[in-house]
């Protein structure tokens, strides 16, 4: 996923949210040895409603995914997602670091 909108229906748990972590210039980053990788998601201007562990698929260049819990998609609307990584040296980097976050659009289901 790059700058496009991630679409998911309300109450769905798939597909997983999967992203490549890039620096501000678009180059892949190395998160080998990271001690924590967290998925955050919330409405614009609000505190994160989701703060959960994400899974590292690949360290270098970094690819991370998040498996949805049903509660994460209970409310329809537009939300922003980010990945917070605590690196081996203790420093913290949040991705994407060149904009507010990845746009996640949760749409109403008909049931």
N, C-alpha and C. Protein backbone atom coordinates (compact mmCIF):
# COMPACT_ATOMS: atom_id res chain seq x y z
N UNK A 1 0.84 -1.18 0.00
CA UNK A 1 0.00 0.00 0.00
C UNK A 1 0.88 1.24 0.00
N UNK A 2 0.53 2.20 -0.82
CA UNK A 2 1.29 3.46 -0.84
C UNK A 2 0.38 4.58 -0.36
N UNK A 3 0.05 5.54 -1.22
CA UNK A 3 -0.79 6.67 -0.83
C UNK A 3 -2.27 6.42 -1.05
N UNK A 4 -2.64 5.28 -1.61
CA UNK A 4 -4.05 5.03 -1.86
C UNK A 4 -4.81 4.80 -0.56
N UNK A 5 -6.12 4.81 -0.66
CA UNK A 5 -6.98 4.60 0.49
C UNK A 5 -7.13 3.10 0.74
N UNK A 6 -7.00 2.69 2.01
CA UNK A 6 -7.25 1.31 2.38
C UNK A 6 -8.73 1.20 2.71
N UNK A 7 -9.45 0.34 1.99
CA UNK A 7 -10.89 0.17 2.18
C UNK A 7 -11.17 -1.14 2.91
N UNK A 8 -12.10 -1.06 3.86
CA UNK A 8 -12.56 -2.24 4.57
C UNK A 8 -14.00 -1.98 5.01
N UNK A 9 -14.81 -3.01 5.04
CA UNK A 9 -16.20 -2.86 5.47
C UNK A 9 -16.28 -2.92 7.00
N UNK A 10 -17.31 -2.28 7.53
CA UNK A 10 -17.55 -2.28 8.97
C UNK A 10 -17.67 -3.72 9.47
N UNK A 11 -17.02 -4.01 10.58
CA UNK A 11 -16.99 -5.31 11.26
C UNK A 11 -16.18 -6.39 10.54
N UNK A 12 -15.54 -6.06 9.44
CA UNK A 12 -14.68 -7.05 8.76
C UNK A 12 -13.32 -7.12 9.45
N UNK A 13 -12.65 -8.26 9.28
CA UNK A 13 -11.31 -8.45 9.84
C UNK A 13 -10.28 -8.78 8.76
N UNK A 14 -10.66 -8.68 7.53
CA UNK A 14 -9.73 -8.92 6.42
C UNK A 14 -10.09 -8.01 5.27
N UNK A 15 -9.13 -7.66 4.47
CA UNK A 15 -7.73 -8.13 4.47
C UNK A 15 -6.90 -7.42 5.54
N UNK A 16 -5.73 -8.00 5.81
CA UNK A 16 -4.80 -7.36 6.74
C UNK A 16 -4.34 -6.03 6.18
N UNK A 17 -3.99 -5.11 7.07
CA UNK A 17 -3.41 -3.82 6.69
C UNK A 17 -1.91 -4.08 6.55
N UNK A 18 -1.37 -3.94 5.35
CA UNK A 18 0.03 -4.27 5.08
C UNK A 18 0.70 -3.10 4.37
N UNK A 19 1.82 -2.64 4.91
CA UNK A 19 2.51 -1.47 4.36
C UNK A 19 4.02 -1.66 4.36
N UNK A 20 4.66 -0.98 3.43
CA UNK A 20 6.12 -0.85 3.42
C UNK A 20 6.45 0.42 4.18
N UNK A 21 7.47 0.36 5.02
CA UNK A 21 7.89 1.55 5.77
C UNK A 21 9.01 2.24 5.00
N UNK A 22 8.76 3.50 4.65
CA UNK A 22 9.72 4.27 3.88
C UNK A 22 10.12 5.54 4.61
N UNK A 23 11.32 6.03 4.30
CA UNK A 23 11.73 7.31 4.85
C UNK A 23 11.00 8.43 4.10
N UNK A 24 11.23 9.65 4.47
CA UNK A 24 10.55 10.79 3.87
C UNK A 24 10.82 10.97 2.39
N UNK A 25 11.85 10.30 1.87
CA UNK A 25 12.19 10.40 0.45
C UNK A 25 11.68 9.20 -0.34
N UNK A 26 10.98 8.30 0.33
CA UNK A 26 10.42 7.13 -0.36
C UNK A 26 11.29 5.90 -0.36
N UNK A 27 12.46 5.97 0.27
CA UNK A 27 13.34 4.81 0.34
C UNK A 27 12.96 3.89 1.49
N UNK A 28 13.14 2.59 1.29
CA UNK A 28 12.85 1.62 2.33
C UNK A 28 13.75 1.78 3.53
N UNK A 29 13.23 1.47 4.71
CA UNK A 29 14.01 1.57 5.94
C UNK A 29 14.31 0.18 6.49
N UNK A 30 15.33 0.12 7.33
CA UNK A 30 15.76 -1.13 7.95
C UNK A 30 15.34 -1.10 9.42
N UNK A 31 14.51 -2.04 9.84
CA UNK A 31 14.08 -2.09 11.24
C UNK A 31 14.60 -3.37 11.94
N UNK A 32 15.66 -3.94 11.41
CA UNK A 32 16.25 -5.13 12.01
C UNK A 32 16.55 -4.87 13.48
N UNK A 33 16.13 -5.76 14.35
CA UNK A 33 16.37 -5.63 15.78
C UNK A 33 15.37 -4.77 16.52
N UNK A 34 14.33 -4.29 15.82
CA UNK A 34 13.32 -3.46 16.49
C UNK A 34 12.73 -4.21 17.68
N UNK A 35 12.51 -3.49 18.77
CA UNK A 35 11.98 -4.12 19.98
C UNK A 35 10.47 -4.00 20.09
N UNK A 36 9.87 -3.10 19.32
CA UNK A 36 8.42 -2.93 19.35
C UNK A 36 7.95 -2.35 18.03
N UNK A 37 6.85 -2.90 17.51
CA UNK A 37 6.22 -2.37 16.30
C UNK A 37 4.72 -2.31 16.60
N UNK A 38 4.16 -1.09 16.61
CA UNK A 38 2.78 -0.86 17.02
C UNK A 38 1.98 -0.24 15.89
N UNK A 39 0.74 -0.66 15.77
CA UNK A 39 -0.23 -0.10 14.83
C UNK A 39 -1.12 0.86 15.61
N UNK A 40 -1.22 2.10 15.13
CA UNK A 40 -2.10 3.10 15.75
C UNK A 40 -3.10 3.55 14.70
N UNK A 41 -4.35 3.74 15.10
CA UNK A 41 -5.36 4.27 14.19
C UNK A 41 -6.36 5.10 14.97
N UNK A 42 -6.74 6.23 14.40
CA UNK A 42 -7.75 7.08 15.03
C UNK A 42 -8.31 8.07 14.04
N UNK A 43 -9.35 8.74 14.45
CA UNK A 43 -9.95 9.79 13.63
C UNK A 43 -9.02 10.99 13.60
N UNK A 44 -9.12 11.79 12.55
CA UNK A 44 -8.28 12.97 12.41
C UNK A 44 -8.46 13.88 13.62
N UNK A 45 -7.35 14.29 14.20
CA UNK A 45 -7.36 15.20 15.33
C UNK A 45 -7.73 14.57 16.66
N UNK A 46 -7.91 13.26 16.70
CA UNK A 46 -8.30 12.58 17.94
C UNK A 46 -7.19 11.62 18.37
N UNK A 47 -7.25 11.21 19.62
CA UNK A 47 -6.30 10.22 20.12
C UNK A 47 -6.52 8.89 19.39
N UNK A 48 -5.48 8.08 19.35
CA UNK A 48 -5.58 6.78 18.69
C UNK A 48 -6.63 5.91 19.37
N UNK A 49 -7.54 5.37 18.58
CA UNK A 49 -8.56 4.46 19.10
C UNK A 49 -8.04 3.03 19.10
N UNK A 50 -7.02 2.77 18.28
CA UNK A 50 -6.39 1.45 18.21
C UNK A 50 -4.90 1.64 18.50
N UNK A 51 -4.39 0.85 19.41
CA UNK A 51 -2.97 0.80 19.73
C UNK A 51 -2.67 -0.66 20.00
N UNK A 52 -2.11 -1.33 19.00
CA UNK A 52 -1.92 -2.78 19.10
C UNK A 52 -0.62 -3.19 18.40
N UNK A 53 -0.13 -4.36 18.76
CA UNK A 53 1.09 -4.89 18.16
C UNK A 53 0.86 -5.20 16.67
N UNK A 54 1.84 -4.87 15.87
CA UNK A 54 1.85 -5.21 14.45
C UNK A 54 2.91 -6.28 14.23
N UNK A 55 2.85 -6.94 13.09
CA UNK A 55 3.78 -8.02 12.76
C UNK A 55 4.76 -7.57 11.70
N UNK A 56 6.04 -7.83 11.92
CA UNK A 56 7.06 -7.54 10.92
C UNK A 56 7.09 -8.69 9.93
N UNK A 57 6.81 -8.40 8.67
CA UNK A 57 6.85 -9.39 7.61
C UNK A 57 8.27 -9.49 7.06
N UNK A 58 8.93 -8.33 6.98
CA UNK A 58 10.29 -8.25 6.44
C UNK A 58 10.99 -7.10 7.14
N UNK A 59 12.27 -7.31 7.53
CA UNK A 59 13.03 -6.29 8.25
C UNK A 59 13.66 -5.23 7.36
N UNK A 60 14.19 -5.65 6.21
CA UNK A 60 14.95 -4.72 5.38
C UNK A 60 14.81 -5.05 3.90
N UNK A 61 14.11 -4.20 3.14
CA UNK A 61 13.36 -3.04 3.58
C UNK A 61 12.11 -3.47 4.34
N UNK A 62 11.70 -2.66 5.29
CA UNK A 62 10.65 -3.03 6.24
C UNK A 62 9.27 -3.13 5.60
N UNK A 63 8.60 -4.24 5.90
CA UNK A 63 7.19 -4.44 5.55
C UNK A 63 6.52 -4.94 6.82
N UNK A 64 5.40 -4.29 7.15
CA UNK A 64 4.69 -4.57 8.40
C UNK A 64 3.22 -4.81 8.08
N UNK A 65 2.56 -5.68 8.87
CA UNK A 65 1.13 -5.88 8.68
C UNK A 65 0.41 -5.90 10.02
N UNK A 66 -0.87 -5.61 9.94
CA UNK A 66 -1.70 -5.63 11.14
C UNK A 66 -2.95 -6.45 10.83
N UNK A 67 -3.24 -7.41 11.71
CA UNK A 67 -4.45 -8.23 11.59
C UNK A 67 -5.54 -7.57 12.42
N UNK A 68 -6.62 -7.19 11.76
CA UNK A 68 -7.71 -6.48 12.42
C UNK A 68 -8.40 -7.32 13.49
N UNK A 69 -8.79 -6.68 14.58
CA UNK A 69 -9.74 -7.23 15.53
C UNK A 69 -11.10 -6.66 15.13
N UNK A 70 -12.16 -7.40 15.36
CA UNK A 70 -13.49 -6.94 14.94
C UNK A 70 -13.83 -5.57 15.51
N UNK A 71 -13.41 -5.29 16.73
CA UNK A 71 -13.71 -3.99 17.35
C UNK A 71 -13.04 -2.83 16.62
N UNK A 72 -11.94 -3.10 15.90
CA UNK A 72 -11.22 -2.03 15.19
C UNK A 72 -12.02 -1.44 14.06
N UNK A 73 -12.93 -2.23 13.49
CA UNK A 73 -13.69 -1.78 12.33
C UNK A 73 -15.19 -1.63 12.65
N UNK A 74 -15.52 -1.48 13.92
CA UNK A 74 -16.92 -1.40 14.33
C UNK A 74 -17.61 -0.11 13.89
N UNK A 75 -16.83 0.96 13.68
CA UNK A 75 -17.41 2.25 13.31
C UNK A 75 -16.98 2.66 11.91
N UNK A 76 -17.97 3.02 11.10
CA UNK A 76 -17.69 3.50 9.75
C UNK A 76 -17.11 4.90 9.81
N UNK A 77 -16.29 5.24 8.82
CA UNK A 77 -15.71 6.58 8.73
C UNK A 77 -14.31 6.53 8.19
N UNK A 78 -13.69 7.71 8.13
CA UNK A 78 -12.31 7.83 7.69
C UNK A 78 -11.41 7.96 8.91
N UNK A 79 -10.33 7.18 8.90
CA UNK A 79 -9.39 7.14 10.00
C UNK A 79 -7.97 7.21 9.44
N UNK A 80 -7.03 7.57 10.28
CA UNK A 80 -5.63 7.60 9.88
C UNK A 80 -4.86 6.56 10.68
N UNK A 81 -4.01 5.82 9.97
CA UNK A 81 -3.22 4.77 10.59
C UNK A 81 -1.74 5.11 10.49
N UNK A 82 -0.99 4.67 11.48
CA UNK A 82 0.45 4.83 11.45
C UNK A 82 1.09 3.64 12.16
N UNK A 83 2.37 3.45 11.88
CA UNK A 83 3.16 2.40 12.51
C UNK A 83 4.26 3.06 13.33
N UNK A 84 4.33 2.71 14.62
CA UNK A 84 5.37 3.25 15.49
C UNK A 84 6.37 2.14 15.80
N UNK A 85 7.63 2.39 15.49
CA UNK A 85 8.69 1.40 15.65
C UNK A 85 9.69 1.87 16.69
N UNK A 86 9.96 1.01 17.68
CA UNK A 86 11.04 1.26 18.62
C UNK A 86 12.23 0.46 18.11
N UNK A 87 13.26 1.17 17.70
CA UNK A 87 14.44 0.53 17.10
C UNK A 87 15.35 -0.05 18.17
N UNK A 88 16.30 -0.85 17.75
CA UNK A 88 17.21 -1.55 18.67
C UNK A 88 17.95 -0.59 19.59
N UNK A 89 18.24 0.63 19.14
CA UNK A 89 18.97 1.61 19.96
C UNK A 89 18.04 2.39 20.90
N UNK A 90 16.75 2.06 20.90
CA UNK A 90 15.80 2.73 21.78
C UNK A 90 15.10 3.92 21.16
N UNK A 91 15.57 4.36 19.99
CA UNK A 91 14.91 5.50 19.34
C UNK A 91 13.57 5.04 18.74
N UNK A 92 12.65 5.99 18.60
CA UNK A 92 11.31 5.70 18.09
C UNK A 92 11.10 6.46 16.79
N UNK A 93 10.60 5.74 15.79
CA UNK A 93 10.23 6.36 14.52
C UNK A 93 8.80 5.98 14.20
N UNK A 94 8.04 6.94 13.69
CA UNK A 94 6.66 6.71 13.31
C UNK A 94 6.52 6.88 11.81
N UNK A 95 5.81 5.95 11.18
CA UNK A 95 5.62 5.95 9.73
C UNK A 95 4.14 5.99 9.41
N UNK A 96 3.72 6.68 8.34
CA UNK A 96 4.58 7.45 7.47
C UNK A 96 5.03 8.73 8.18
N UNK A 97 6.22 9.18 7.87
CA UNK A 97 6.73 10.38 8.52
C UNK A 97 6.68 11.61 7.60
N UNK A 98 6.02 11.45 6.44
CA UNK A 98 5.91 12.57 5.51
C UNK A 98 4.47 13.07 5.34
N UNK A 99 3.55 12.55 6.16
CA UNK A 99 2.15 12.98 6.12
C UNK A 99 1.45 12.49 7.38
N UNK A 100 0.16 12.82 7.52
CA UNK A 100 -0.56 12.50 8.74
C UNK A 100 -0.67 11.00 9.01
N UNK A 101 -0.86 10.22 7.98
CA UNK A 101 -0.99 8.77 8.14
C UNK A 101 -1.59 8.17 6.89
N UNK A 102 -1.73 6.86 6.90
CA UNK A 102 -2.41 6.18 5.80
C UNK A 102 -3.90 6.30 6.05
N UNK A 103 -4.66 6.65 5.04
CA UNK A 103 -6.09 6.81 5.17
C UNK A 103 -6.76 5.44 5.12
N UNK A 104 -7.55 5.13 6.15
CA UNK A 104 -8.31 3.90 6.23
C UNK A 104 -9.78 4.29 6.18
N UNK A 105 -10.49 3.80 5.18
CA UNK A 105 -11.92 4.10 5.03
C UNK A 105 -12.72 2.86 5.38
N UNK A 106 -13.47 2.97 6.47
CA UNK A 106 -14.35 1.87 6.90
C UNK A 106 -15.76 2.24 6.43
N UNK A 107 -16.30 1.42 5.55
CA UNK A 107 -17.62 1.72 4.98
C UNK A 107 -18.69 0.87 5.64
N UNK A 108 -19.91 1.40 5.64
CA UNK A 108 -21.06 0.68 6.22
C UNK A 108 -21.27 -0.63 5.49
N UNK A 109 -21.68 -1.64 6.22
CA UNK A 109 -22.10 -2.87 5.60
C UNK A 109 -23.63 -2.84 5.52
N UNK A 110 -24.21 -3.65 4.70
CA UNK A 110 -25.66 -3.62 4.47
C UNK A 110 -26.42 -4.54 5.42
N UNK A 111 -25.70 -5.32 6.20
CA UNK A 111 -26.37 -6.25 7.12
C UNK A 111 -26.54 -5.66 8.49
